[in-house]
Amino acid sequence: MSEKDKPTVLLEYYLKKLRLPTMLREYASMAAVC
């Protein structure tokens, strides 16, 4: 895992932990747009 990937992986982990699948999907689509 590169340093660049860590924030995304951590964010996904926390979103799953907080049970925010909708936000996780939105984040993925926003990341694709950027």
PDB file of N, CA and C in Angstrom:
ATOM      1  N   MET A   1       0.849  -1.207   0.000  1.00  0.00           N
ATOM      2  CA  MET A   1       0.000   0.000   0.000  1.00  0.00           C
ATOM      3  C   MET A   1       0.877   1.247   0.000  1.00  0.00           C
ATOM      4  N   SER A   2       0.605   2.129  -0.921  1.00  0.00           N
ATOM      5  CA  SER A   2       1.391   3.361  -0.984  1.00  0.00           C
ATOM      6  C   SER A   2       0.823   4.399  -0.027  1.00  0.00           C
ATOM      7  N   GLU A   3       1.626   5.413   0.269  1.00  0.00           N
ATOM      8  CA  GLU A   3       1.176   6.490   1.165  1.00  0.00           C
ATOM      9  C   GLU A   3      -0.047   7.194   0.583  1.00  0.00           C
ATOM     10  N   LYS A   4      -0.106   7.250  -0.742  1.00  0.00           N
ATOM     11  CA  LYS A   4      -1.202   7.942  -1.416  1.00  0.00           C
ATOM     12  C   LYS A   4      -2.535   7.217  -1.205  1.00  0.00           C
ATOM     13  N   ASP A   5      -2.489   5.901  -1.075  1.00  0.00           N
ATOM     14  CA  ASP A   5      -3.715   5.114  -0.939  1.00  0.00           C
ATOM     15  C   ASP A   5      -4.256   5.072   0.484  1.00  0.00           C
ATOM     16  N   LYS A   6      -3.394   5.327   1.456  1.00  0.00           N
ATOM     17  CA  LYS A   6      -3.814   5.204   2.858  1.00  0.00           C
ATOM     18  C   LYS A   6      -5.045   6.025   3.229  1.00  0.00           C
ATOM     19  N   PRO A   7      -5.106   7.316   2.908  1.00  0.00           N
ATOM     20  CA  PRO A   7      -6.286   8.106   3.300  1.00  0.00           C
ATOM     21  C   PRO A   7      -7.588   7.524   2.755  1.00  0.00           C
ATOM     22  N   THR A   8      -7.569   7.051   1.525  1.00  0.00           N
ATOM     23  CA  THR A   8      -8.774   6.490   0.919  1.00  0.00           C
ATOM     24  C   THR A   8      -9.193   5.220   1.635  1.00  0.00           C
ATOM     25  N   VAL A   9      -8.219   4.356   1.913  1.00  0.00           N
ATOM     26  CA  VAL A   9      -8.515   3.098   2.602  1.00  0.00           C
ATOM     27  C   VAL A   9      -9.044   3.373   3.996  1.00  0.00           C
ATOM     28  N   LEU A  10      -8.418   4.317   4.692  1.00  0.00           N
ATOM     29  CA  LEU A  10      -8.883   4.674   6.034  1.00  0.00           C
ATOM     30  C   LEU A  10     -10.291   5.238   5.979  1.00  0.00           C
ATOM     31  N   LEU A  11     -10.546   6.098   5.007  1.00  0.00           N
ATOM     32  CA  LEU A  11     -11.868   6.706   4.879  1.00  0.00           C
ATOM     33  C   LEU A  11     -12.920   5.630   4.623  1.00  0.00           C
ATOM     34  N   GLU A  12     -12.615   4.695   3.725  1.00  0.00           N
ATOM     35  CA  GLU A  12     -13.555   3.611   3.443  1.00  0.00           C
ATOM     36  C   GLU A  12     -13.811   2.788   4.695  1.00  0.00           C
ATOM     37  N   TYR A  13     -12.750   2.537   5.455  1.00  0.00           N
ATOM     38  CA  TYR A  13     -12.885   1.761   6.690  1.00  0.00           C
ATOM     39  C   TYR A  13     -13.808   2.459   7.678  1.00  0.00           C
ATOM     40  N   TYR A  14     -13.590   3.746   7.865  1.00  0.00           N
ATOM     41  CA  TYR A  14     -14.414   4.491   8.818  1.00  0.00           C
ATOM     42  C   TYR A  14     -15.858   4.608   8.345  1.00  0.00           C
ATOM     43  N   LEU A  15     -16.058   4.811   7.056  1.00  0.00           N
ATOM     44  CA  LEU A  15     -17.422   4.913   6.537  1.00  0.00           C
ATOM     45  C   LEU A  15     -18.165   3.595   6.723  1.00  0.00           C
ATOM     46  N   LYS A  16     -17.465   2.476   6.481  1.00  0.00           N
ATOM     47  CA  LYS A  16     -18.101   1.172   6.676  1.00  0.00           C
ATOM     48  C   LYS A  16     -18.398   0.951   8.148  1.00  0.00           C
ATOM     49  N   LYS A  17     -17.469   1.374   8.988  1.00  0.00           N
ATOM     50  CA  LYS A  17     -17.638   1.219  10.427  1.00  0.00           C
ATOM     51  C   LYS A  17     -18.837   2.036  10.911  1.00  0.00           C
ATOM     52  N   LEU A  18     -19.020   3.192  10.307  1.00  0.00           N
ATOM     53  CA  LEU A  18     -20.135   4.070  10.679  1.00  0.00           C
ATOM     54  C   LEU A  18     -21.416   3.718   9.918  1.00  0.00           C
ATOM     55  N   ARG A  19     -21.315   2.698   9.068  1.00  0.00           N
ATOM     56  CA  ARG A  19     -22.459   2.237   8.272  1.00  0.00           C
ATOM     57  C   ARG A  19     -23.032   3.364   7.410  1.00  0.00           C
ATOM     58  N   LEU A  20     -22.182   3.903   6.562  1.00  0.00           N
ATOM     59  CA  LEU A  20     -22.635   4.956   5.643  1.00  0.00           C
ATOM     60  C   LEU A  20     -22.368   4.520   4.198  1.00  0.00           C
ATOM     61  N   PRO A  21     -23.029   3.449   3.761  1.00  0.00           N
ATOM     62  CA  PRO A  21     -22.781   2.947   2.404  1.00  0.00           C
ATOM     63  C   PRO A  21     -23.114   3.964   1.324  1.00  0.00           C
ATOM     64  N   THR A  22     -24.127   4.787   1.563  1.00  0.00           N
ATOM     65  CA  THR A  22     -24.503   5.803   0.582  1.00  0.00           C
ATOM     66  C   THR A  22     -23.377   6.808   0.419  1.00  0.00           C
ATOM     67  N   MET A  23     -22.835   7.258   1.541  1.00  0.00           N
ATOM     68  CA  MET A  23     -21.742   8.213   1.510  1.00  0.00           C
ATOM     69  C   MET A  23     -20.519   7.595   0.836  1.00  0.00           C
ATOM     70  N   LEU A  24     -20.307   6.300   1.067  1.00  0.00           N
ATOM     71  CA  LEU A  24     -19.183   5.595   0.455  1.00  0.00           C
ATOM     72  C   LEU A  24     -19.338   5.594  -1.063  1.00  0.00           C
ATOM     73  N   ARG A  25     -20.561   5.351  -1.539  1.00  0.00           N
ATOM     74  CA  ARG A  25     -20.805   5.368  -2.988  1.00  0.00           C
ATOM     75  C   ARG A  25     -20.618   6.769  -3.545  1.00  0.00           C
ATOM     76  N   GLU A  26     -21.142   7.762  -2.838  1.00  0.00           N
ATOM     77  CA  GLU A  26     -21.008   9.151  -3.278  1.00  0.00           C
ATOM     78  C   GLU A  26     -19.538   9.543  -3.353  1.00  0.00           C
ATOM     79  N   TYR A  27     -18.767   9.132  -2.347  1.00  0.00           N
ATOM     80  CA  TYR A  27     -17.343   9.455  -2.315  1.00  0.00           C
ATOM     81  C   TYR A  27     -16.632   8.839  -3.515  1.00  0.00           C
ATOM     82  N   ALA A  28     -16.982   7.599  -3.821  1.00  0.00           N
ATOM     83  CA  ALA A  28     -16.359   6.906  -4.950  1.00  0.00           C
ATOM     84  C   ALA A  28     -16.662   7.631  -6.261  1.00  0.00           C
ATOM     85  N   SER A  29     -17.894   8.069  -6.439  1.00  0.00           N
ATOM     86  CA  SER A  29     -18.264   8.765  -7.673  1.00  0.00           C
ATOM     87  C   SER A  29     -17.606  10.143  -7.730  1.00  0.00           C
ATOM     88  N   MET A  30     -17.515  10.801  -6.587  1.00  0.00           N
ATOM     89  CA  MET A  30     -16.857  12.109  -6.546  1.00  0.00           C
ATOM     90  C   MET A  30     -15.373  11.971  -6.847  1.00  0.00           C
ATOM     91  N   ALA A  31     -14.759  10.923  -6.315  1.00  0.00           N
ATOM     92  CA  ALA A  31     -13.338  10.686  -6.548  1.00  0.00           C
ATOM     93  C   ALA A  31     -13.090  10.425  -8.035  1.00  0.00           C
ATOM     94  N   ALA A  32     -14.018   9.736  -8.677  1.00  0.00           N
ATOM     95  CA  ALA A  32     -13.879   9.444 -10.102  1.00  0.00           C
ATOM     96  C   ALA A  32     -13.979  10.728 -10.919  1.00  0.00           C
ATOM     97  N   VAL A  33     -14.817  11.649 -10.482  1.00  0.00           N
ATOM     98  CA  VAL A  33     -15.002  12.920 -11.190  1.00  0.00           C
ATOM     99  C   VAL A  33     -13.760  13.796 -11.075  1.00  0.00           C
ATOM    100  N   CYS A  34     -13.153  13.815  -9.913  1.00  0.00           N
ATOM    101  CA  CYS A  34     -12.004  14.695  -9.681  1.00  0.00           C
ATOM    102  C   CYS A  34     -10.840  14.323 -10.528  1.00  0.00           C
TER     103      CYS A  34
END
